[in-house]
Amino acid sequence: MKKGVFFFLILLNTFSYVLSQQKINQSSKTKLSILFIGNSLTYTNNLPQLVEEYAKPYGITLNTKMIAYPNYAIEDHWKDGKVQKHISSKKYDFVIIQQGPSSQKNGRKMLIEYGKKYNDLCKLNQTQLCYFTVWPSLRYYYTFDDVIKNHKDAAEINNSILLPVGKVWKEYIDTTNNKKYYSSDGFHPSITGSQIAAKIIVENLLLHSKKITQKSDY
């Protein structure tokens, strides 16, 4: 496990270096827009704002919009009808969807079936769908592998981008036995946890951004 985490950190640092080089090679700042759709795991510590701040050193200006309500799943957002209007506005380069841990069958089914609805709409409006992999509460930590698997499978099935925040959380916690990414309630992220989430989100999105690729030598 320790060797695996070591090599993962090397890979992450390599990505960081590549992205830094992308910044150097850009002739002008790149602007990207992101729509966040989720619940309290997204709005706690204002994750979209942290993502905007983390992108600045790369010469990227991010404009973010957040639609997030307590205990909402992507199905709830879809039934409300608000997210469809935003996606159809063609304003966004990325749409990031997030719901609860989704370790059980119902959560997995929702990630796949409603994820397809989101992805179909995203394709029609020239944007890319992303799955934000979250984490279970400490009480249900034993379900973490299922959380990771279900998000990974849903992203692959719907040909979408995976933002593996939960995977990075678990590897860190399992290696260090340090649970500092969790807040005192044992579920929501601490500010450190949200900062790590922002870092992972930005680095993964920039690697998938067509706008960056077109302006970069990489």
Protein backbone atom coordinates (compact mmCIF):
# COMPACT_ATOMS: atom_id res chain seq x y z
CA MET A 1 0.00 0.00 0.00
CA LYS A 2 2.80 2.44 0.93
CA LYS A 3 4.59 1.82 -2.37
CA GLY A 4 1.35 2.39 -4.26
CA VAL A 5 0.77 5.71 -2.52
CA PHE A 6 4.40 6.70 -3.11
CA PHE A 7 4.10 6.13 -6.85
CA PHE A 8 0.73 7.90 -6.90
CA LEU A 9 2.29 10.96 -5.28
CA ILE A 10 5.09 10.89 -7.85
CA LEU A 11 2.49 10.75 -10.61
CA LEU A 12 0.52 13.60 -9.02
CA ASN A 13 3.67 15.71 -8.78
CA THR A 14 4.43 14.94 -12.43
CA PHE A 15 0.96 16.16 -13.38
CA SER A 16 1.59 19.31 -11.34
CA TYR A 17 4.85 19.90 -13.22
CA VAL A 18 3.19 19.40 -16.59
CA LEU A 19 0.42 21.80 -15.67
CA SER A 20 2.99 24.35 -14.51
CA GLN A 21 4.69 24.06 -17.87
CA GLN A 22 1.34 24.57 -19.54
CA LYS A 23 1.05 27.83 -17.66
CA ILE A 24 4.47 28.96 -18.89
CA ASN A 25 3.70 28.10 -22.51
CA GLN A 26 0.36 29.89 -22.66
CA SER A 27 0.48 33.17 -24.55
CA SER A 28 -2.61 34.47 -22.74
CA LYS A 29 -4.77 33.50 -19.82
CA THR A 30 -7.30 30.76 -20.38
CA LYS A 31 -10.84 31.18 -19.14
CA LEU A 32 -12.96 28.19 -18.17
CA SER A 33 -16.42 27.94 -16.63
CA ILE A 34 -17.68 25.20 -14.34
CA LEU A 35 -21.15 24.30 -13.09
CA PHE A 36 -21.13 22.48 -9.73
CA ILE A 37 -24.22 20.41 -8.94
CA GLY A 38 -24.33 18.79 -5.52
CA ASN A 39 -25.12 19.07 -1.84
CA SER A 40 -23.41 20.01 1.43
CA LEU A 41 -20.24 18.11 0.49
CA THR A 42 -19.80 20.70 -2.25
CA TYR A 43 -20.98 23.88 -0.54
CA THR A 44 -19.16 23.23 2.75
CA ASN A 45 -16.10 25.52 2.74
CA ASN A 46 -17.31 26.87 -0.63
CA LEU A 47 -15.47 24.32 -2.77
CA PRO A 48 -16.09 26.19 -6.06
CA GLN A 49 -14.29 29.26 -4.69
CA LEU A 50 -11.36 27.10 -3.58
CA VAL A 51 -11.22 25.62 -7.09
CA GLU A 52 -11.11 29.13 -8.57
CA GLU A 53 -8.25 30.08 -6.24
CA TYR A 54 -6.28 26.92 -6.93
CA ALA A 55 -6.46 27.50 -10.69
CA LYS A 56 -4.91 30.99 -10.54
CA PRO A 57 -1.25 29.85 -10.28
CA TYR A 58 -1.74 28.00 -13.58
CA GLY A 59 -2.81 31.18 -15.32
CA ILE A 60 -6.39 29.96 -15.50
CA THR A 61 -9.38 32.18 -14.78
CA LEU A 62 -12.29 30.07 -13.63
CA ASN A 63 -15.89 31.19 -13.45
CA THR A 64 -17.98 28.88 -11.31
CA LYS A 65 -21.68 28.46 -10.58
CA MET A 66 -22.93 26.25 -7.77
CA ILE A 67 -26.35 24.63 -7.43
CA ALA A 68 -26.25 22.71 -4.14
CA TYR A 69 -28.82 21.95 -1.47
CA PRO A 70 -28.73 19.84 1.71
CA ASN A 71 -29.15 16.09 1.15
CA TYR A 72 -29.75 16.48 -2.59
CA ALA A 73 -28.87 13.71 -5.03
CA ILE A 74 -28.41 14.21 -8.77
CA GLU A 75 -31.91 12.78 -9.25
CA ASP A 76 -33.39 15.52 -7.04
CA HIS A 77 -31.62 18.22 -9.04
CA TRP A 78 -32.81 16.70 -12.30
CA LYS A 79 -36.43 16.58 -11.13
CA ASP A 80 -36.24 20.22 -10.02
CA GLY A 81 -35.45 21.16 -13.60
CA LYS A 82 -33.08 24.01 -12.78
CA VAL A 83 -29.87 22.28 -13.81
CA GLN A 84 -31.16 21.51 -17.31
CA LYS A 85 -31.63 25.22 -17.99
CA HIS A 86 -28.10 26.02 -16.87
CA ILE A 87 -26.51 23.23 -18.90
CA SER A 88 -28.54 24.24 -21.96
CA SER A 89 -27.24 27.79 -21.71
CA LYS A 90 -23.96 26.56 -23.25
CA LYS A 91 -22.02 28.69 -20.76
CA TYR A 92 -20.01 25.88 -19.20
CA ASP A 93 -16.90 23.94 -20.17
CA PHE A 94 -17.46 21.38 -17.39
CA VAL A 95 -20.44 20.18 -15.36
CA ILE A 96 -19.48 18.51 -12.07
CA ILE A 97 -22.10 16.31 -10.42
CA GLN A 98 -21.91 15.17 -6.80
CA GLN A 99 -24.22 13.28 -4.49
CA GLY A 100 -23.87 11.26 -1.29
CA PRO A 101 -21.39 8.38 -0.97
CA SER A 102 -23.50 6.06 -3.19
CA SER A 103 -21.93 2.84 -1.92
CA GLN A 104 -25.18 0.87 -2.14
CA LYS A 105 -27.13 -0.41 -5.15
CA ASN A 106 -29.59 2.50 -5.28
CA GLY A 107 -26.81 5.06 -5.23
CA ARG A 108 -24.89 3.19 -7.93
CA LYS A 109 -27.98 2.95 -10.11
CA MET A 110 -28.62 6.67 -9.75
CA LEU A 111 -25.03 7.56 -10.64
CA ILE A 112 -25.31 5.52 -13.82
CA GLU A 113 -28.89 6.17 -14.94
CA TYR A 114 -29.19 9.84 -14.04
CA GLY A 115 -25.59 10.37 -14.99
CA LYS A 116 -26.56 9.31 -18.50
CA LYS A 117 -29.30 11.94 -18.58
CA TYR A 118 -26.80 14.60 -17.56
CA ASN A 119 -24.20 13.36 -20.00
CA ASP A 120 -26.61 13.28 -22.94
CA LEU A 121 -27.59 16.88 -22.22
CA CYS A 122 -23.96 17.91 -21.80
CA LYS A 123 -23.06 16.46 -25.18
CA LEU A 124 -25.85 18.42 -26.81
CA ASN A 125 -24.45 21.60 -25.30
CA GLN A 126 -20.73 21.16 -25.90
CA THR A 127 -19.74 20.62 -22.29
CA GLN A 128 -18.09 17.75 -20.43
CA LEU A 129 -19.65 15.85 -17.56
CA CYS A 130 -17.52 15.07 -14.51
CA TYR A 131 -18.15 12.76 -11.55
CA PHE A 132 -16.91 14.10 -8.21
CA THR A 133 -16.00 11.00 -6.19
CA VAL A 134 -16.74 11.73 -2.55
CA TRP A 135 -16.31 9.69 0.64
CA PRO A 136 -18.45 7.90 3.23
CA SER A 137 -18.77 9.05 6.82
CA LEU A 138 -16.23 7.68 9.26
CA ARG A 139 -19.00 5.54 10.70
CA TYR A 140 -19.33 3.77 7.35
CA TYR A 141 -15.69 3.93 6.35
CA TYR A 142 -15.77 0.22 5.48
CA THR A 143 -17.92 1.09 2.43
CA PHE A 144 -15.22 3.36 0.94
CA ASP A 145 -14.10 0.88 -1.73
CA ASP A 146 -17.67 0.58 -3.01
CA VAL A 147 -17.98 4.38 -3.14
CA ILE A 148 -14.84 4.58 -5.28
CA LYS A 149 -15.86 1.70 -7.52
CA ASN A 150 -19.37 2.96 -8.18
CA HIS A 151 -18.17 6.42 -9.19
CA LYS A 152 -15.42 4.96 -11.37
CA ASP A 153 -17.83 2.58 -13.09
CA ALA A 154 -20.44 5.29 -13.67
CA ALA A 155 -17.86 7.61 -15.22
CA GLU A 156 -16.59 4.86 -17.50
CA ILE A 157 -20.07 3.71 -18.53
CA ASN A 158 -21.09 7.26 -19.40
CA ASN A 159 -17.73 8.18 -20.95
CA SER A 160 -17.28 11.05 -18.50
CA ILE A 161 -14.41 12.54 -16.53
CA LEU A 162 -13.66 11.06 -13.11
CA LEU A 163 -12.48 13.41 -10.36
CA PRO A 164 -11.01 10.86 -7.89
CA VAL A 165 -11.12 12.92 -4.71
CA GLY A 166 -12.40 10.06 -2.56
CA LYS A 167 -9.69 7.73 -3.84
CA VAL A 168 -6.97 10.18 -2.84
CA TRP A 169 -8.60 10.68 0.56
CA LYS A 170 -8.68 6.94 1.25
CA GLU A 171 -5.08 6.33 0.18
CA TYR A 172 -3.89 9.13 2.46
CA ILE A 173 -5.96 7.98 5.45
CA ASP A 174 -5.07 4.31 5.04
CA THR A 175 -1.37 5.15 4.84
CA THR A 176 -1.13 7.74 7.62
CA ASN A 177 -4.13 6.87 9.81
CA ASN A 178 -4.70 10.63 9.86
CA LYS A 179 -8.33 11.66 9.42
CA LYS A 180 -7.73 15.41 9.10
CA TYR A 181 -9.67 15.59 5.83
CA TYR A 182 -12.88 15.04 7.82
CA SER A 183 -14.46 17.75 9.94
CA SER A 184 -15.54 17.16 13.54
CA ASP A 185 -18.85 15.62 12.46
CA GLY A 186 -17.02 12.73 10.78
CA PHE A 187 -18.61 13.30 7.39
CA HIS A 188 -18.29 16.80 5.96
CA PRO A 189 -14.85 17.94 4.81
CA SER A 190 -12.54 20.02 6.93
CA ILE A 191 -11.02 23.03 5.22
CA THR A 192 -7.96 20.85 4.53
CA GLY A 193 -10.18 18.19 2.99
CA SER A 194 -11.85 20.75 0.74
CA GLN A 195 -8.49 22.20 -0.27
CA ILE A 196 -7.26 18.76 -1.29
CA ALA A 197 -10.51 18.24 -3.22
CA ALA A 198 -9.98 21.55 -5.04
CA LYS A 199 -6.41 20.60 -5.94
CA ILE A 200 -7.47 17.25 -7.40
CA ILE A 201 -10.39 18.78 -9.29
CA VAL A 202 -8.31 21.53 -10.89
CA GLU A 203 -5.45 19.27 -11.92
CA ASN A 204 -7.77 16.69 -13.45
CA LEU A 205 -9.90 19.26 -15.28
CA LEU A 206 -6.91 21.05 -16.77
CA LEU A 207 -5.57 17.77 -18.09
CA HIS A 208 -8.89 17.23 -19.86
CA SER A 209 -9.41 20.78 -21.08
CA LYS A 210 -9.43 21.17 -24.85
CA LYS A 211 -8.79 24.89 -24.45
CA ILE A 212 -5.55 24.20 -22.58
CA THR A 213 -4.47 21.49 -25.02
CA GLN A 214 -4.91 23.80 -27.99
CA LYS A 215 -2.64 26.44 -26.45
CA SER A 216 -0.01 24.10 -24.99
CA ASP A 217 3.02 22.32 -26.39
CA TYR A 218 1.96 19.16 -24.49
